[in-house]
């Protein structure tokens, strides 16, 4: 018979694996497709050891600076976003440049939606994606535990201070100055 304390330790590890962490991504000067692919993997939970396609075990993702995202090739001139009102003649087409000015959050949300599997979990996964056009993310920043660059917590991490891409850069610069 197995030791009951070992079973309890295994349950705690499994519980931690299913816990949802908050990841921060700074989208400035990043390529849209590569970024959307990485975000979709985290939303699905493929980075976790307990991944199962039928279980929603992914994490939250907060994207900032959506306004400064990049696309490759001629997509900036050719890409069109379409939606239909379901009335006759209700097809609305919005070019990429107009969408980038008016609603840059929708560009990333649309790209990530296309990368996720087309099943019943898709909407639930997209609800965990928070996209902001600038560097401010408001109260959501207090939940962030990891950034995409290194995946670790900052040394001076404080839950009560909102974390933005600018504050994370300032923390890194302070750490580099202290090392020098």
Protein backbone atom coordinates (compact mmCIF):
# COMPACT_ATOMS: atom_id res chain seq x y z
CA UNK A 1 0.00 0.00 0.00
CA UNK A 2 1.24 3.48 -0.84
CA UNK A 3 2.17 5.95 1.82
CA UNK A 4 -0.78 8.35 2.40
CA UNK A 5 1.63 11.29 2.65
CA UNK A 6 3.05 10.48 -0.79
CA UNK A 7 -0.46 10.39 -2.24
CA UNK A 8 -1.21 13.78 -0.65
CA UNK A 9 2.02 15.23 -2.09
CA UNK A 10 1.07 13.97 -5.57
CA UNK A 11 -2.36 15.58 -5.25
CA UNK A 12 -0.77 18.91 -4.32
CA UNK A 13 1.51 18.74 -7.37
CA UNK A 14 -1.47 18.02 -9.62
CA UNK A 15 -3.43 20.88 -8.07
CA UNK A 16 -0.54 23.24 -8.73
CA UNK A 17 -0.34 22.04 -12.33
CA UNK A 18 -4.02 22.88 -12.87
CA UNK A 19 -3.73 26.28 -11.17
CA UNK A 20 -4.07 29.19 -13.59
CA UNK A 21 -1.16 31.61 -13.76
CA UNK A 22 -1.26 35.06 -15.41
CA UNK A 23 1.27 35.71 -18.18
CA UNK A 24 2.22 39.14 -19.51
CA UNK A 25 3.20 39.76 -23.15
CA UNK A 26 4.51 43.03 -24.54
CA UNK A 27 3.41 43.03 -28.19
CA UNK A 28 5.50 46.02 -29.30
CA UNK A 29 7.50 45.22 -32.45
CA UNK A 30 6.45 41.53 -32.35
CA UNK A 31 5.20 39.64 -35.41
CA UNK A 32 1.45 38.96 -35.21
CA UNK A 33 1.42 35.31 -36.31
CA UNK A 34 4.26 34.12 -34.07
CA UNK A 35 2.82 35.99 -31.10
CA UNK A 36 -0.69 34.60 -31.67
CA UNK A 37 0.70 31.06 -31.90
CA UNK A 38 2.52 31.39 -28.58
CA UNK A 39 -0.51 32.93 -26.86
CA UNK A 40 -2.77 30.13 -28.16
CA UNK A 41 -0.44 27.48 -26.73
CA UNK A 42 -0.57 29.11 -23.28
CA UNK A 43 -4.37 29.54 -23.43
CA UNK A 44 -4.73 25.83 -24.26
CA UNK A 45 -2.30 24.76 -21.53
CA UNK A 46 0.12 22.89 -23.80
CA UNK A 47 3.04 24.19 -21.72
CA UNK A 48 1.81 22.21 -18.68
CA UNK A 49 2.63 18.57 -17.92
CA UNK A 50 -1.07 17.76 -17.36
CA UNK A 51 -2.24 18.90 -20.82
CA UNK A 52 -5.25 17.09 -22.21
CA UNK A 53 -7.06 18.32 -25.35
CA UNK A 54 -10.47 17.75 -23.77
CA UNK A 55 -9.69 19.63 -20.53
CA UNK A 56 -9.44 23.41 -20.26
CA UNK A 57 -6.28 23.76 -18.16
CA UNK A 58 -4.70 26.84 -19.79
CA UNK A 59 -3.57 30.10 -18.19
CA UNK A 60 -4.54 33.75 -18.48
CA UNK A 61 -2.63 35.96 -20.93
CA UNK A 62 -2.44 39.77 -20.74
CA UNK A 63 -1.18 41.51 -23.89
CA UNK A 64 -0.08 45.15 -23.83
CA UNK A 65 0.96 47.55 -26.61
CA UNK A 66 -1.30 45.92 -29.20
CA UNK A 67 -1.16 49.13 -31.24
CA UNK A 68 2.50 48.54 -32.16
CA UNK A 69 2.18 44.98 -33.48
CA UNK A 70 3.87 44.15 -36.81
CA UNK A 71 2.89 41.98 -39.76
CA UNK A 72 5.19 40.58 -42.43
CA UNK A 73 5.07 40.81 -46.19
CA UNK A 74 2.22 42.69 -47.89
CA UNK A 75 -0.33 41.85 -45.21
CA UNK A 76 -0.55 45.49 -44.12
CA UNK A 77 -2.11 46.39 -47.50
CA UNK A 78 -3.89 43.11 -48.30
CA UNK A 79 -5.36 41.89 -44.99
CA UNK A 80 -9.13 42.40 -44.60
CA UNK A 81 -11.28 41.70 -41.56
CA UNK A 82 -14.80 40.60 -42.51
CA UNK A 83 -18.00 40.34 -40.52
CA UNK A 84 -21.60 39.89 -41.57
CA UNK A 85 -24.70 41.39 -39.95
CA UNK A 86 -26.82 38.48 -41.27
CA UNK A 87 -28.97 40.88 -43.23
CA UNK A 88 -28.90 40.95 -47.04
CA UNK A 89 -25.93 43.01 -48.19
CA UNK A 90 -24.58 43.12 -44.62
CA UNK A 91 -20.96 42.15 -45.33
CA UNK A 92 -18.61 44.64 -43.66
CA UNK A 93 -14.92 44.66 -44.63
CA UNK A 94 -12.32 46.56 -42.63
CA UNK A 95 -8.73 46.90 -43.90
CA UNK A 96 -5.85 46.12 -41.54
CA UNK A 97 -4.67 49.75 -41.33
CA UNK A 98 -8.10 51.02 -40.27
CA UNK A 99 -8.50 48.21 -37.75
CA UNK A 100 -5.06 48.99 -36.31
CA UNK A 101 -6.08 52.60 -35.70
CA UNK A 102 -9.59 51.97 -34.36
CA UNK A 103 -9.47 48.59 -32.56
CA UNK A 104 -5.96 47.09 -32.34
CA UNK A 105 -7.11 44.67 -29.64
CA UNK A 106 -9.36 42.90 -32.14
CA UNK A 107 -6.41 42.18 -34.44
CA UNK A 108 -4.68 40.06 -31.80
CA UNK A 109 -7.94 38.50 -30.58
CA UNK A 110 -8.85 37.49 -34.17
CA UNK A 111 -5.41 35.99 -34.81
CA UNK A 112 -5.41 34.01 -31.56
CA UNK A 113 -8.96 32.81 -32.23
CA UNK A 114 -7.79 31.41 -35.56
CA UNK A 115 -4.96 29.53 -33.84
CA UNK A 116 -7.20 27.84 -31.25
CA UNK A 117 -8.99 24.56 -31.99
CA UNK A 118 -12.52 25.00 -33.32
CA UNK A 119 -14.43 23.33 -30.49
CA UNK A 120 -16.62 24.15 -27.47
CA UNK A 121 -13.63 25.26 -25.38
CA UNK A 122 -12.63 28.04 -27.79
CA UNK A 123 -14.84 30.79 -26.34
CA UNK A 124 -13.90 29.91 -22.78
CA UNK A 125 -10.20 30.09 -23.68
CA UNK A 126 -10.63 33.43 -25.44
CA UNK A 127 -12.24 34.87 -22.31
CA UNK A 128 -8.89 34.42 -20.56
CA UNK A 129 -7.15 36.63 -23.12
CA UNK A 130 -6.95 40.29 -22.04
CA UNK A 131 -5.64 42.69 -24.71
CA UNK A 132 -4.78 46.38 -24.19
CA UNK A 133 -3.81 48.82 -26.93
CA UNK A 134 -1.35 50.76 -24.75
CA UNK A 135 1.03 49.90 -21.95
CA UNK A 136 -1.55 50.48 -19.17
CA UNK A 137 -3.51 47.43 -18.08
CA UNK A 138 -5.25 48.75 -14.98
CA UNK A 139 -6.12 46.48 -12.10
CA UNK A 140 -5.45 43.35 -14.16
CA UNK A 141 -1.71 43.99 -13.79
CA UNK A 142 -1.80 42.93 -10.15
CA UNK A 143 -2.47 39.32 -11.18
CA UNK A 144 0.58 38.89 -13.41
CA UNK A 145 3.04 36.22 -12.35
CA UNK A 146 5.15 35.63 -15.46
CA UNK A 147 6.39 37.48 -18.50
CA UNK A 148 6.98 35.76 -21.82
CA UNK A 149 10.65 36.75 -22.05
CA UNK A 150 11.94 34.52 -19.26
CA UNK A 151 8.86 33.01 -17.58
CA UNK A 152 9.98 33.88 -14.05
CA UNK A 153 8.84 36.28 -11.36
CA UNK A 154 10.68 39.58 -10.94
CA UNK A 155 12.86 39.70 -7.84
CA UNK A 156 10.95 42.60 -6.22
CA UNK A 157 7.50 41.32 -7.22
CA UNK A 158 4.67 42.91 -5.24
CA UNK A 159 1.12 41.66 -5.75
CA UNK A 160 -0.37 45.04 -4.81
CA UNK A 161 1.53 47.04 -7.47
CA UNK A 162 0.18 46.86 -11.03
CA UNK A 163 2.79 45.47 -13.40
CA UNK A 164 3.17 46.99 -16.86
CA UNK A 165 5.80 46.53 -19.53
CA UNK A 166 7.38 49.81 -18.46
CA UNK A 167 7.55 48.87 -14.78
CA UNK A 168 9.04 45.48 -15.67
CA UNK A 169 11.71 47.20 -17.80
CA UNK A 170 12.45 49.58 -14.92
CA UNK A 171 12.87 46.61 -12.56
CA UNK A 172 15.30 44.95 -14.98
CA UNK A 173 17.31 48.17 -15.33
CA UNK A 174 17.53 48.53 -11.52
CA UNK A 175 18.72 44.93 -11.24
CA UNK A 176 21.38 45.50 -13.92
CA UNK A 177 22.59 48.66 -12.18
CA UNK A 178 22.84 46.82 -8.86
CA UNK A 179 24.91 44.03 -10.49
CA UNK A 180 27.30 46.55 -12.09
